[in-house]
Amino acid sequence: MNRMNRLEVLDPTGIQGWDERLAFHPDATVFHSSAWARVLSETYGYLPSYLTIMDEGRFAVILPFMEIRSWLTGTRGVSLPFTDECAPILSDDIGFADVVPMVIAHAGTRGWKTLEFRGRGCGMGNIPASAEYLTHELDLTLGQGVLFSRFRANVKRNIRKAEKEGISVASDPTPEGVQEFYRLNCLSRREHGLPPQPFRFFDSLRTHVLEKEFGTLLLARHKGKAVAGAVFLHFAGKAIYKYGAMDRSYQELRPNNLVFQEAIRDLCGKGVRTLSFGRTDLHHEGLRQFKLSWGTEEKTLIYVEFDVTSKSYVSTKKYHPVIPWERMMSKLPVQALRLIGSIAYRHVG
C-alpha cells in the first residue's frame, strides 16, 4: 500500500495517546503535542488540522496546522500560531515535495488563502524565506558546572547580585502562581507597547501543559513579592524559554538572571538535553546579546509562506521595527491593554 494514501487530517486533541507516541520521534517538540494544540484551540477557537502518516503505530509524518478564520486577517493555515518554531516532521523516505501537494489541496478545500510553516523540515532548504529570525540553543548535556563556566562575566555577576539582594526563585504552577505571572506579564507587555495575551491563555497553559509536567513556571520573589518570572516548556528531552515577565522597578536586583540560572539547574536535573532561548528578531541586538551571554549557539530560523491563490511562495522578508502605535500602547492603562489583547490575539495568530 502506498504510504501516501495513509495521509490523514487529524485533531490531536481528540486522539488518546498522541503525546506518548509523539515522544518517540527524535524531531518532536512540545509544540507538536496535543497539549499545546489544546491551549491554542481552547483559547482562540482555532481548528486543529494535523496532516499525519502513521507507520507501525508511530508517527512518520506530522504537518501541524491551526485553521484561523478571521474577518480581519482572513482564513489561513498556520503551523503553528504563537509558536516560535514547529518544523514539519518528515521521514527519510517521505520528504516535503511528497506531501506538499496534499497540503495545498487540503488548504484549497478549507478556503485557506495562505499556508505558513514556522521552521524548515527535510526538503525545504531551497524554498525562499518569508521571514527570518535567530534562535539560541544551550546544550544542557554539558552539565551545570561547564555551563556556568561558559556564562559571560556579566551574567555571573548578575546572578551573584540577585542572590545577595535576597531574591529567591521557586516553581509555582498553581492558579495563584499563574495569576502572579500574569500580573507581571501585563506590566512587561505594556513596557513593550503590546497588549498581553488573554488570561484564559495562561490558565489553559496551566491546565494542559504545566499540570502535565510539560512545562515549568518559575517566579522570583523579593521579600515575598513576585518581581519576575518565566515559563519554560519541555518535552522529549527538549526545552524552550517561552514567556518572561518582570516588574521593571526591580530590574536593578537582576531577578531574571537568577530565574534563568535556576531554570537551567532544574532542566538539567530533569534530564533535558537542550534549552532553546526562543525566537529573536534580527533587529533586536540587545536581546540577542543577552541570549549569547549564556553560552548559547546561534542559529537562523526560517519561516515559509505559500500563497494558495497564486500557488507561489512569498519571498518578502518581514521585519518588525518599532512603530508609533507601539509607543501609544505603552501609555495605555493595563486594563485597556487587556481588553485589546482579549479581542485582537485570535485574529493575528
C-alpha atoms as a PDB file:
ATOM      1  CA  MET A   1       0.000   0.000   0.000  1.00  0.00           C
ATOM      2  CA  ASN A   2       1.277   3.449  -0.916  1.00  0.00           C
ATOM      3  CA  ARG A   3       2.153   5.175   2.343  1.00  0.00           C
ATOM      4  CA  MET A   4       0.961   8.491   0.922  1.00  0.00           C
ATOM      5  CA  ASN A   5      -2.543   7.024   0.754  1.00  0.00           C
ATOM      6  CA  ARG A   6      -2.452   6.811   4.539  1.00  0.00           C
ATOM      7  CA  LEU A   7      -2.200  10.589   4.977  1.00  0.00           C
ATOM      8  CA  GLU A   8      -4.950  11.656   7.369  1.00  0.00           C
ATOM      9  CA  VAL A   9      -6.105  15.022   8.688  1.00  0.00           C
ATOM     10  CA  LEU A  10      -6.353  14.586  12.462  1.00  0.00           C
ATOM     11  CA  ASP A  11      -7.199  16.633  15.518  1.00  0.00           C
ATOM     12  CA  PRO A  12      -4.677  15.580  18.200  1.00  0.00           C
ATOM     13  CA  THR A  13      -6.867  16.937  20.990  1.00  0.00           C
ATOM     14  CA  GLY A  14      -9.257  14.047  20.409  1.00  0.00           C
ATOM     15  CA  ILE A  15      -6.701  11.238  19.999  1.00  0.00           C
ATOM     16  CA  GLN A  16      -5.764   9.237  23.065  1.00  0.00           C
ATOM     17  CA  GLY A  17      -2.056   8.536  23.437  1.00  0.00           C
ATOM     18  CA  TRP A  18      -0.925  11.183  20.922  1.00  0.00           C
ATOM     19  CA  ASP A  19       1.768  12.629  23.172  1.00  0.00           C
ATOM     20  CA  GLU A  20       3.036   9.240  24.332  1.00  0.00           C
ATOM     21  CA  ARG A  21       3.608   8.127  20.723  1.00  0.00           C
ATOM     22  CA  LEU A  22       4.961  11.521  19.710  1.00  0.00           C
ATOM     23  CA  ALA A  23       7.671  11.372  22.377  1.00  0.00           C
ATOM     24  CA  PHE A  24       9.428   8.576  20.473  1.00  0.00           C
ATOM     25  CA  HIS A  25      10.138  10.774  17.436  1.00  0.00           C
ATOM     26  CA  PRO A  26      13.569  12.470  17.553  1.00  0.00           C
ATOM     27  CA  ASP A  27      12.233  15.651  15.928  1.00  0.00           C
ATOM     28  CA  ALA A  28       9.244  16.054  18.237  1.00  0.00           C
ATOM     29  CA  THR A  29       8.875  19.189  20.346  1.00  0.00           C
ATOM     30  CA  VAL A  30       6.285  20.374  22.822  1.00  0.00           C
ATOM     31  CA  PHE A  31       4.712  22.383  20.010  1.00  0.00           C
ATOM     32  CA  HIS A  32       3.789  19.177  18.156  1.00  0.00           C
ATOM     33  CA  SER A  33       1.968  17.871  21.220  1.00  0.00           C
ATOM     34  CA  SER A  34      -1.749  17.589  21.825  1.00  0.00           C
ATOM     35  CA  ALA A  35      -1.220  19.627  24.991  1.00  0.00           C
ATOM     36  CA  TRP A  36      -0.131  22.695  23.001  1.00  0.00           C
ATOM     37  CA  ALA A  37      -2.920  22.087  20.469  1.00  0.00           C
ATOM     38  CA  ARG A  38      -5.470  22.204  23.292  1.00  0.00           C
ATOM     39  CA  VAL A  39      -4.091  25.510  24.558  1.00  0.00           C
ATOM     40  CA  LEU A  40      -4.372  27.138  21.123  1.00  0.00           C
ATOM     41  CA  SER A  41      -7.753  25.696  20.183  1.00  0.00           C
ATOM     42  CA  GLU A  42      -9.403  26.347  23.559  1.00  0.00           C
ATOM     43  CA  THR A  43      -8.066  29.881  23.925  1.00  0.00           C
ATOM     44  CA  TYR A  44      -8.572  31.194  20.412  1.00  0.00           C
ATOM     45  CA  GLY A  45     -11.088  28.844  18.814  1.00  0.00           C
ATOM     46  CA  TYR A  46      -8.673  27.601  16.146  1.00  0.00           C
ATOM     47  CA  LEU A  47      -9.399  24.307  14.387  1.00  0.00           C
ATOM     48  CA  PRO A  48      -6.514  21.781  14.615  1.00  0.00           C
ATOM     49  CA  SER A  49      -5.712  20.153  11.242  1.00  0.00           C
ATOM     50  CA  TYR A  50      -2.668  17.879  11.569  1.00  0.00           C
ATOM     51  CA  LEU A  51      -1.744  16.075   8.330  1.00  0.00           C
ATOM     52  CA  THR A  52      -0.329  12.793   9.571  1.00  0.00           C
ATOM     53  CA  ILE A  53       1.058   9.453   8.408  1.00  0.00           C
ATOM     54  CA  MET A  54       1.464   6.617  10.897  1.00  0.00           C
ATOM     55  CA  ASP A  55       3.938   3.770  10.394  1.00  0.00           C
ATOM     56  CA  GLU A  56       3.586   0.692  12.605  1.00  0.00           C
ATOM     57  CA  GLY A  57       1.958   2.707  15.365  1.00  0.00           C
ATOM     58  CA  ARG A  58       4.484   5.555  15.270  1.00  0.00           C
ATOM     59  CA  PHE A  59       4.449   8.919  13.574  1.00  0.00           C
ATOM     60  CA  ALA A  60       6.250   9.082  10.231  1.00  0.00           C
ATOM     61  CA  VAL A  61       4.890  12.474   9.146  1.00  0.00           C
ATOM     62  CA  ILE A  62       3.237  15.347  11.019  1.00  0.00           C
ATOM     63  CA  LEU A  63       2.432  18.684   9.421  1.00  0.00           C
ATOM     64  CA  PRO A  64       0.532  20.505  12.158  1.00  0.00           C
ATOM     65  CA  PHE A  65      -1.778  23.391  11.265  1.00  0.00           C
ATOM     66  CA  MET A  66      -4.266  25.538  13.057  1.00  0.00           C
ATOM     67  CA  GLU A  67      -7.024  26.944  10.906  1.00  0.00           C
ATOM     68  CA  ILE A  68      -7.549  30.631  11.635  1.00  0.00           C
ATOM     69  CA  ARG A  69     -10.853  32.062  10.431  1.00  0.00           C
ATOM     70  CA  SER A  70     -10.919  35.822  10.891  1.00  0.00           C
ATOM     71  CA  TRP A  71     -12.918  38.653   9.367  1.00  0.00           C
ATOM     72  CA  LEU A  72      -9.834  40.799   9.928  1.00  0.00           C
ATOM     73  CA  THR A  73      -6.939  38.667   8.627  1.00  0.00           C
ATOM     74  CA  GLY A  74      -8.767  36.084   6.511  1.00  0.00           C
ATOM     75  CA  THR A  75      -8.740  32.294   6.571  1.00  0.00           C
ATOM     76  CA  ARG A  76      -5.277  30.807   6.912  1.00  0.00           C
ATOM     77  CA  GLY A  77      -3.395  27.688   7.910  1.00  0.00           C
ATOM     78  CA  VAL A  78      -0.541  28.380  10.334  1.00  0.00           C
ATOM     79  CA  SER A  79       1.955  25.852  11.655  1.00  0.00           C
ATOM     80  CA  LEU A  80       1.541  26.941  14.424  1.00  0.00           C
ATOM     81  CA  PRO A  81       0.163  30.243  15.775  1.00  0.00           C
ATOM     82  CA  PHE A  82       2.020  31.802  18.726  1.00  0.00           C
ATOM     83  CA  THR A  83       4.751  29.211  18.258  1.00  0.00           C
ATOM     84  CA  ASP A  84       8.418  30.072  17.825  1.00  0.00           C
ATOM     85  CA  GLU A  85       9.293  27.061  15.693  1.00  0.00           C
ATOM     86  CA  CYS A  86       7.309  23.996  14.639  1.00  0.00           C
ATOM     87  CA  ALA A  87       9.006  22.475  11.607  1.00  0.00           C
ATOM     88  CA  PRO A  88       7.190  19.677   9.749  1.00  0.00           C
ATOM     89  CA  ILE A  89       8.091  16.195  10.969  1.00  0.00           C
ATOM     90  CA  LEU A  90       9.067  14.155   7.903  1.00  0.00           C
ATOM     91  CA  SER A  91      10.704  10.761   7.390  1.00  0.00           C
ATOM     92  CA  ASP A  92      13.773   9.727   5.417  1.00  0.00           C
ATOM     93  CA  ASP A  93      11.682   8.405   2.548  1.00  0.00           C
ATOM     94  CA  ILE A  94       8.809  10.925   2.668  1.00  0.00           C
ATOM     95  CA  GLY A  95      10.039  14.461   2.088  1.00  0.00           C
ATOM     96  CA  PHE A  96       8.334  17.813   1.780  1.00  0.00           C
ATOM     97  CA  ALA A  97       7.936  17.515  -2.001  1.00  0.00           C
ATOM     98  CA  ASP A  98       5.956  14.301  -1.490  1.00  0.00           C
ATOM     99  CA  VAL A  99       3.405  15.761   0.905  1.00  0.00           C
ATOM    100  CA  VAL A 100       3.084  19.422  -0.086  1.00  0.00           C
ATOM    101  CA  PRO A 101       0.624  18.764  -2.979  1.00  0.00           C
ATOM    102  CA  MET A 102      -1.779  17.184  -0.482  1.00  0.00           C
ATOM    103  CA  VAL A 103      -1.264  20.049   1.967  1.00  0.00           C
ATOM    104  CA  ILE A 104      -2.107  22.552  -0.769  1.00  0.00           C
ATOM    105  CA  ALA A 105      -5.139  20.504  -1.807  1.00  0.00           C
ATOM    106  CA  HIS A 106      -6.366  20.438   1.786  1.00  0.00           C
ATOM    107  CA  ALA A 107      -5.842  24.200   2.032  1.00  0.00           C
ATOM    108  CA  GLY A 108      -7.941  24.678  -1.094  1.00  0.00           C
ATOM    109  CA  THR A 109     -10.843  22.642   0.255  1.00  0.00           C
ATOM    110  CA  ARG A 110     -10.774  24.629   3.503  1.00  0.00           C
ATOM    111  CA  GLY A 111     -10.544  28.006   1.768  1.00  0.00           C
ATOM    112  CA  TRP A 112      -7.187  28.947   3.236  1.00  0.00           C
ATOM    113  CA  LYS A 113      -5.598  31.889   1.450  1.00  0.00           C
ATOM    114  CA  THR A 114      -2.098  31.146   2.777  1.00  0.00           C
ATOM    115  CA  LEU A 115      -0.062  28.404   4.457  1.00  0.00           C
ATOM    116  CA  GLU A 116       2.706  29.288   6.882  1.00  0.00           C
ATOM    117  CA  PHE A 117       5.445  26.924   8.076  1.00  0.00           C
ATOM    118  CA  ARG A 118       7.425  28.113  11.099  1.00  0.00           C
ATOM    119  CA  GLY A 119      10.671  26.295  10.535  1.00  0.00           C
ATOM    120  CA  ARG A 120      12.058  24.237   7.640  1.00  0.00           C
ATOM    121  CA  GLY A 121      11.795  20.477   7.505  1.00  0.00           C
ATOM    122  CA  CYS A 122      13.544  17.942   5.260  1.00  0.00           C
ATOM    123  CA  GLY A 123      13.467  19.011   1.609  1.00  0.00           C
ATOM    124  CA  MET A 124      12.544  22.657   2.298  1.00  0.00           C
ATOM    125  CA  GLY A 125      16.030  24.124   2.015  1.00  0.00           C
ATOM    126  CA  ASN A 126      15.551  25.746  -1.393  1.00  0.00           C
ATOM    127  CA  ILE A 127      12.225  27.387  -0.597  1.00  0.00           C
ATOM    128  CA  PRO A 128      12.507  31.178  -0.145  1.00  0.00           C
ATOM    129  CA  ALA A 129      12.049  32.620   3.320  1.00  0.00           C
ATOM    130  CA  SER A 130       9.048  34.792   4.082  1.00  0.00           C
ATOM    131  CA  ALA A 131      10.645  35.810   7.379  1.00  0.00           C
ATOM    132  CA  GLU A 132      13.970  35.248   9.093  1.00  0.00           C
ATOM    133  CA  TYR A 133      14.844  35.180  12.783  1.00  0.00           C
ATOM    134  CA  LEU A 134      17.530  33.911  15.150  1.00  0.00           C
ATOM    135  CA  THR A 135      17.382  31.168  17.757  1.00  0.00           C
ATOM    136  CA  HIS A 136      19.846  30.396  20.536  1.00  0.00           C
ATOM    137  CA  GLU A 137      20.307  26.931  21.984  1.00  0.00           C
ATOM    138  CA  LEU A 138      22.134  25.667  25.054  1.00  0.00           C
ATOM    139  CA  ASP A 139      23.492  22.108  25.237  1.00  0.00           C
ATOM    140  CA  LEU A 140      22.457  21.007  28.727  1.00  0.00           C
ATOM    141  CA  THR A 141      24.284  17.671  28.457  1.00  0.00           C
ATOM    142  CA  LEU A 142      27.496  19.548  29.263  1.00  0.00           C
ATOM    143  CA  GLY A 143      26.391  19.747  32.897  1.00  0.00           C
ATOM    144  CA  GLN A 144      25.832  22.676  35.238  1.00  0.00           C
ATOM    145  CA  GLY A 145      29.496  23.208  36.072  1.00  0.00           C
ATOM    146  CA  VAL A 146      30.663  23.502  32.468  1.00  0.00           C
ATOM    147  CA  LEU A 147      27.641  25.608  31.528  1.00  0.00           C
ATOM    148  CA  PHE A 148      28.272  28.072  34.381  1.00  0.00           C
ATOM    149  CA  SER A 149      31.912  28.421  33.344  1.00  0.00           C
ATOM    150  CA  ARG A 150      30.761  29.491  29.867  1.00  0.00           C
ATOM    151  CA  PHE A 151      28.481  32.273  31.069  1.00  0.00           C
ATOM    152  CA  ARG A 152      29.799  35.734  30.343  1.00  0.00           C
ATOM    153  CA  ALA A 153      31.196  37.668  33.297  1.00  0.00           C
ATOM    154  CA  ASN A 154      28.197  39.998  33.469  1.00  0.00           C
ATOM    155  CA  VAL A 155      25.804  37.023  33.750  1.00  0.00           C
ATOM    156  CA  LYS A 156      27.771  35.545  36.648  1.00  0.00           C
ATOM    157  CA  ARG A 157      27.936  38.958  38.302  1.00  0.00           C
ATOM    158  CA  ASN A 158      24.172  39.494  37.943  1.00  0.00           C
ATOM    159  CA  ILE A 159      23.394  36.053  39.375  1.00  0.00           C
ATOM    160  CA  ARG A 160      25.539  36.796  42.420  1.00  0.00           C
ATOM    161  CA  LYS A 161      23.880  40.207  42.840  1.00  0.00           C
ATOM    162  CA  ALA A 162      20.381  38.687  42.764  1.00  0.00           C
ATOM    163  CA  GLU A 163      21.404  36.161  45.392  1.00  0.00           C
ATOM    164  CA  LYS A 164      22.991  38.875  47.552  1.00  0.00           C
ATOM    165  CA  GLU A 165      19.836  41.006  47.316  1.00  0.00           C
ATOM    166  CA  GLY A 166      17.781  38.137  48.693  1.00  0.00           C
ATOM    167  CA  ILE A 167      15.985  37.119  45.507  1.00  0.00           C
ATOM    168  CA  SER A 168      14.505  33.624  45.767  1.00  0.00           C
ATOM    169  CA  VAL A 169      13.282  31.529  42.828  1.00  0.00           C
ATOM    170  CA  ALA A 170      10.813  28.665  43.023  1.00  0.00           C
ATOM    171  CA  SER A 171       8.459  26.713  40.793  1.00  0.00           C
ATOM    172  CA  ASP A 172       4.836  27.779  41.248  1.00  0.00           C
ATOM    173  CA  PRO A 173       2.434  26.230  38.713  1.00  0.00           C
ATOM    174  CA  THR A 174      -0.561  26.824  40.999  1.00  0.00           C
ATOM    175  CA  PRO A 175      -3.523  29.014  39.964  1.00  0.00           C
ATOM    176  CA  GLU A 176      -2.153  31.668  42.324  1.00  0.00           C
ATOM    177  CA  GLY A 177       1.287  31.436  40.730  1.00  0.00           C
ATOM    178  CA  VAL A 178      -0.200  31.823  37.254  1.00  0.00           C
ATOM    179  CA  GLN A 179      -2.130  34.880  38.452  1.00  0.00           C
ATOM    180  CA  GLU A 180       1.108  36.415  39.742  1.00  0.00           C
ATOM    181  CA  PHE A 181       2.888  35.690  36.481  1.00  0.00           C
ATOM    182  CA  TYR A 182       0.015  37.194  34.501  1.00  0.00           C
ATOM    183  CA  ARG A 183       0.216  40.388  36.561  1.00  0.00           C
ATOM    184  CA  LEU A 184       3.930  40.659  35.741  1.00  0.00           C
ATOM    185  CA  ASN A 185       3.289  39.770  32.097  1.00  0.00           C
ATOM    186  CA  CYS A 186       0.795  42.631  31.785  1.00  0.00           C
ATOM    187  CA  LEU A 187       3.437  45.049  33.111  1.00  0.00           C
ATOM    188  CA  SER A 188       6.089  43.749  30.718  1.00  0.00           C
ATOM    189  CA  ARG A 189       3.814  43.803  27.664  1.00  0.00           C
ATOM    190  CA  ARG A 190       2.823  47.389  28.450  1.00  0.00           C
ATOM    191  CA  GLU A 191       6.512  48.288  28.717  1.00  0.00           C
ATOM    192  CA  HIS A 192       6.993  46.995  25.157  1.00  0.00           C
ATOM    193  CA  GLY A 193       3.872  48.675  23.801  1.00  0.00           C
ATOM    194  CA  LEU A 194       1.985  45.411  23.329  1.00  0.00           C
ATOM    195  CA  PRO A 195      -1.290  44.069  24.741  1.00  0.00           C
ATOM    196  CA  PRO A 196      -0.988  40.995  26.973  1.00  0.00           C
ATOM    197  CA  GLN A 197      -2.362  37.646  25.944  1.00  0.00           C
ATOM    198  CA  PRO A 198      -5.782  36.951  27.481  1.00  0.00           C
ATOM    199  CA  PHE A 199      -5.644  35.395  30.930  1.00  0.00           C
ATOM    200  CA  ARG A 200      -7.530  32.340  29.639  1.00  0.00           C
ATOM    201  CA  PHE A 201      -4.428  31.512  27.571  1.00  0.00           C
ATOM    202  CA  PHE A 202      -2.225  31.166  30.650  1.00  0.00           C
ATOM    203  CA  ASP A 203      -4.966  29.374  32.570  1.00  0.00           C
ATOM    204  CA  SER A 204      -5.235  26.856  29.704  1.00  0.00           C
ATOM    205  CA  LEU A 205      -1.431  26.571  29.672  1.00  0.00           C
ATOM    206  CA  ARG A 206      -1.545  25.688  33.369  1.00  0.00           C
ATOM    207  CA  THR A 207      -4.217  23.025  32.837  1.00  0.00           C
ATOM    208  CA  HIS A 208      -2.847  21.317  29.730  1.00  0.00           C
ATOM    209  CA  VAL A 209       0.911  21.919  29.910  1.00  0.00           C
ATOM    210  CA  LEU A 210       2.141  22.775  33.400  1.00  0.00           C
ATOM    211  CA  GLU A 211      -0.048  20.230  35.191  1.00  0.00           C
ATOM    212  CA  LYS A 212       1.077  17.527  32.722  1.00  0.00           C
ATOM    213  CA  GLU A 213       4.684  18.438  33.606  1.00  0.00           C
ATOM    214  CA  PHE A 214       5.367  19.605  30.054  1.00  0.00           C
ATOM    215  CA  GLY A 215       6.419  22.971  31.430  1.00  0.00           C
ATOM    216  CA  THR A 216       7.729  24.895  34.418  1.00  0.00           C
ATOM    217  CA  LEU A 217       6.688  28.275  35.784  1.00  0.00           C
ATOM    218  CA  LEU A 218       9.388  29.907  37.879  1.00  0.00           C
ATOM    219  CA  LEU A 219       8.735  33.016  39.974  1.00  0.00           C
ATOM    220  CA  ALA A 220      11.415  35.223  41.510  1.00  0.00           C
ATOM    221  CA  ARG A 221      10.388  36.876  44.774  1.00  0.00           C
ATOM    222  CA  HIS A 222      11.867  39.720  46.792  1.00  0.00           C
ATOM    223  CA  LYS A 223      10.667  39.951  50.388  1.00  0.00           C
ATOM    224  CA  GLY A 224       7.750  37.726  49.465  1.00  0.00           C
ATOM    225  CA  LYS A 225       6.629  39.732  46.430  1.00  0.00           C
ATOM    226  CA  ALA A 226       6.797  38.225  42.927  1.00  0.00           C
ATOM    227  CA  VAL A 227       9.022  40.522  40.863  1.00  0.00           C
ATOM    228  CA  ALA A 228       9.907  38.371  37.831  1.00  0.00           C
ATOM    229  CA  GLY A 229       9.024  35.071  36.264  1.00  0.00           C
ATOM    230  CA  ALA A 230       9.417  32.823  33.252  1.00  0.00           C
ATOM    231  CA  VAL A 231       7.694  29.880  31.604  1.00  0.00           C
ATOM    232  CA  PHE A 232       9.837  27.078  30.164  1.00  0.00           C
ATOM    233  CA  LEU A 233       8.169  24.348  28.106  1.00  0.00           C
ATOM    234  CA  HIS A 234       9.793  20.907  27.780  1.00  0.00           C
ATOM    235  CA  PHE A 235       9.021  17.650  26.033  1.00  0.00           C
ATOM    236  CA  ALA A 236      11.011  14.646  24.811  1.00  0.00           C
ATOM    237  CA  GLY A 237      14.318  15.999  26.098  1.00  0.00           C
ATOM    238  CA  LYS A 238      13.968  19.483  24.578  1.00  0.00           C
ATOM    239  CA  ALA A 239      13.063  22.702  26.391  1.00  0.00           C
ATOM    240  CA  ILE A 240      12.263  26.227  25.273  1.00  0.00           C
ATOM    241  CA  TYR A 241      12.055  29.526  27.131  1.00  0.00           C
ATOM    242  CA  LYS A 242       8.602  30.722  26.074  1.00  0.00           C
ATOM    243  CA  TYR A 243       7.496  33.652  28.238  1.00  0.00           C
ATOM    244  CA  GLY A 244       9.238  36.049  30.570  1.00  0.00           C
ATOM    245  CA  ALA A 245       7.948  38.920  32.670  1.00  0.00           C
ATOM    246  CA  MET A 246       9.280  41.367  35.226  1.00  0.00           C
ATOM    247  CA  ASP A 247       8.327  44.350  37.333  1.00  0.00           C
ATOM    248  CA  ARG A 248      10.754  46.884  35.867  1.00  0.00           C
ATOM    249  CA  SER A 249      11.100  48.721  39.184  1.00  0.00           C
ATOM    250  CA  TYR A 250      13.073  45.687  40.460  1.00  0.00           C
ATOM    251  CA  GLN A 251      15.356  45.412  37.426  1.00  0.00           C
ATOM    252  CA  GLU A 252      18.455  46.508  39.335  1.00  0.00           C
ATOM    253  CA  LEU A 253      18.158  43.416  41.529  1.00  0.00           C
ATOM    254  CA  ARG A 254      18.686  41.234  38.405  1.00  0.00           C
ATOM    255  CA  PRO A 255      15.960  38.685  39.199  1.00  0.00           C
ATOM    256  CA  ASN A 256      15.771  37.457  35.582  1.00  0.00           C
ATOM    257  CA  ASN A 257      19.344  36.212  35.688  1.00  0.00           C
ATOM    258  CA  LEU A 258      18.642  34.101  38.743  1.00  0.00           C
ATOM    259  CA  VAL A 259      15.448  32.776  37.124  1.00  0.00           C
ATOM    260  CA  PHE A 260      17.450  31.507  34.129  1.00  0.00           C
ATOM    261  CA  GLN A 261      20.161  30.040  36.348  1.00  0.00           C
ATOM    262  CA  GLU A 262      17.554  28.123  38.364  1.00  0.00           C
ATOM    263  CA  ALA A 263      15.772  27.032  35.176  1.00  0.00           C
ATOM    264  CA  ILE A 264      18.998  25.570  33.805  1.00  0.00           C
ATOM    265  CA  ARG A 265      19.619  23.780  37.103  1.00  0.00           C
ATOM    266  CA  ASP A 266      16.058  22.413  37.116  1.00  0.00           C
ATOM    267  CA  LEU A 267      16.117  21.273  33.487  1.00  0.00           C
ATOM    268  CA  CYS A 268      19.484  19.562  33.914  1.00  0.00           C
ATOM    269  CA  GLY A 269      18.029  17.716  36.895  1.00  0.00           C
ATOM    270  CA  LYS A 270      15.112  16.553  34.760  1.00  0.00           C
ATOM    271  CA  GLY A 271      17.492  15.118  32.150  1.00  0.00           C
ATOM    272  CA  VAL A 272      16.535  17.661  29.479  1.00  0.00           C
ATOM    273  CA  ARG A 273      19.194  17.769  26.747  1.00  0.00           C
ATOM    274  CA  THR A 274      18.728  21.171  25.107  1.00  0.00           C
ATOM    275  CA  LEU A 275      17.293  24.561  26.023  1.00  0.00           C
ATOM    276  CA  SER A 276      16.206  26.974  23.311  1.00  0.00           C
ATOM    277  CA  PHE A 277      16.036  30.624  24.315  1.00  0.00           C
ATOM    278  CA  GLY A 278      13.266  31.186  21.761  1.00  0.00           C
ATOM    279  CA  ARG A 279      12.904  33.371  18.705  1.00  0.00           C
ATOM    280  CA  THR A 280      14.724  36.697  18.336  1.00  0.00           C
ATOM    281  CA  ASP A 281      14.040  39.389  15.744  1.00  0.00           C
ATOM    282  CA  LEU A 282      17.084  40.269  13.647  1.00  0.00           C
ATOM    283  CA  HIS A 283      16.997  43.918  14.712  1.00  0.00           C
ATOM    284  CA  HIS A 284      16.820  43.169  18.451  1.00  0.00           C
ATOM    285  CA  GLU A 285      20.543  43.310  19.229  1.00  0.00           C
ATOM    286  CA  GLY A 286      20.117  43.746  22.974  1.00  0.00           C
ATOM    287  CA  LEU A 287      18.060  40.574  23.316  1.00  0.00           C
ATOM    288  CA  ARG A 288      20.465  38.734  21.021  1.00  0.00           C
ATOM    289  CA  GLN A 289      23.425  39.654  23.219  1.00  0.00           C
ATOM    290  CA  PHE A 290      21.555  38.608  26.360  1.00  0.00           C
ATOM    291  CA  LYS A 291      20.937  35.153  24.904  1.00  0.00           C
ATOM    292  CA  LEU A 292      24.504  34.804  23.624  1.00  0.00           C
ATOM    293  CA  SER A 293      25.830  35.742  27.067  1.00  0.00           C
ATOM    294  CA  TRP A 294      24.654  32.357  28.407  1.00  0.00           C
ATOM    295  CA  GLY A 295      26.972  30.430  26.084  1.00  0.00           C
ATOM    296  CA  THR A 296      24.316  29.537  23.532  1.00  0.00           C
ATOM    297  CA  GLU A 297      24.783  28.518  19.907  1.00  0.00           C
ATOM    298  CA  GLU A 298      23.145  30.914  17.453  1.00  0.00           C
ATOM    299  CA  LYS A 299      21.146  29.573  14.501  1.00  0.00           C
ATOM    300  CA  THR A 300      18.936  31.026  11.781  1.00  0.00           C
ATOM    301  CA  LEU A 301      15.213  30.327  11.902  1.00  0.00           C
ATOM    302  CA  ILE A 302      13.294  30.474   8.616  1.00  0.00           C
ATOM    303  CA  TYR A 303       9.562  30.854   8.104  1.00  0.00           C
ATOM    304  CA  VAL A 304       7.985  29.819   4.800  1.00  0.00           C
ATOM    305  CA  GLU A 305       4.665  31.122   3.462  1.00  0.00           C
ATOM    306  CA  PHE A 306       2.715  29.785   0.496  1.00  0.00           C
ATOM    307  CA  ASP A 307       0.027  31.812  -1.248  1.00  0.00           C
ATOM    308  CA  VAL A 308      -2.696  29.321  -2.147  1.00  0.00           C
ATOM    309  CA  THR A 309      -4.404  31.621  -4.646  1.00  0.00           C
ATOM    310  CA  SER A 310      -1.314  32.404  -6.725  1.00  0.00           C
ATOM    311  CA  LYS A 311       0.274  28.988  -5.990  1.00  0.00           C
ATOM    312  CA  SER A 312       3.592  30.614  -5.180  1.00  0.00           C
ATOM    313  CA  TYR A 313       5.867  31.089  -2.194  1.00  0.00           C
ATOM    314  CA  VAL A 314       6.040  34.506  -0.569  1.00  0.00           C
ATOM    315  CA  SER A 315       9.641  35.688  -0.559  1.00  0.00           C
ATOM    316  CA  THR A 316       9.267  39.070   1.134  1.00  0.00           C
ATOM    317  CA  LYS A 317      11.128  39.114   4.426  1.00  0.00           C
ATOM    318  CA  LYS A 318       9.084  40.618   7.234  1.00  0.00           C
ATOM    319  CA  TYR A 319      10.737  42.884   9.745  1.00  0.00           C
ATOM    320  CA  HIS A 320       9.085  44.428  12.751  1.00  0.00           C
ATOM    321  CA  PRO A 321      10.560  47.839  13.642  1.00  0.00           C
ATOM    322  CA  VAL A 322       9.119  49.909  16.458  1.00  0.00           C
ATOM    323  CA  ILE A 323       6.136  51.826  15.138  1.00  0.00           C
ATOM    324  CA  PRO A 324       4.214  54.787  16.581  1.00  0.00           C
ATOM    325  CA  TRP A 325       1.204  52.759  17.785  1.00  0.00           C
ATOM    326  CA  GLU A 326       3.513  50.676  19.995  1.00  0.00           C
ATOM    327  CA  ARG A 327       4.626  53.887  21.731  1.00  0.00           C
ATOM    328  CA  MET A 328       0.991  54.865  22.135  1.00  0.00           C
ATOM    329  CA  MET A 329       0.082  51.457  23.561  1.00  0.00           C
ATOM    330  CA  SER A 330       2.793  51.781  26.196  1.00  0.00           C
ATOM    331  CA  LYS A 331       0.886  54.774  27.604  1.00  0.00           C
ATOM    332  CA  LEU A 332      -2.444  52.979  27.962  1.00  0.00           C
ATOM    333  CA  PRO A 333      -3.689  51.564  31.280  1.00  0.00           C
ATOM    334  CA  VAL A 334      -3.178  47.833  31.772  1.00  0.00           C
ATOM    335  CA  GLN A 335      -6.942  47.190  31.829  1.00  0.00           C
ATOM    336  CA  ALA A 336      -7.316  48.785  28.379  1.00  0.00           C
ATOM    337  CA  LEU A 337      -4.453  46.665  27.023  1.00  0.00           C
ATOM    338  CA  ARG A 338      -6.012  43.517  28.479  1.00  0.00           C
ATOM    339  CA  LEU A 339      -9.249  44.292  26.649  1.00  0.00           C
ATOM    340  CA  ILE A 340      -7.383  44.847  23.379  1.00  0.00           C
ATOM    341  CA  GLY A 341      -5.486  41.589  23.815  1.00  0.00           C
ATOM    342  CA  SER A 342      -8.632  39.580  24.557  1.00  0.00           C
ATOM    343  CA  ILE A 343     -10.140  40.790  21.268  1.00  0.00           C
ATOM    344  CA  ALA A 344      -7.145  41.031  18.921  1.00  0.00           C
ATOM    345  CA  TYR A 345      -4.945  37.985  19.501  1.00  0.00           C
ATOM    346  CA  ARG A 346      -7.163  35.387  17.895  1.00  0.00           C
ATOM    347  CA  HIS A 347      -7.026  37.365  14.638  1.00  0.00           C
ATOM    348  CA  VAL A 348      -3.234  37.700  14.387  1.00  0.00           C
ATOM    349  CA  GLY A 349      -2.131  34.117  15.133  1.00  0.00           C
END
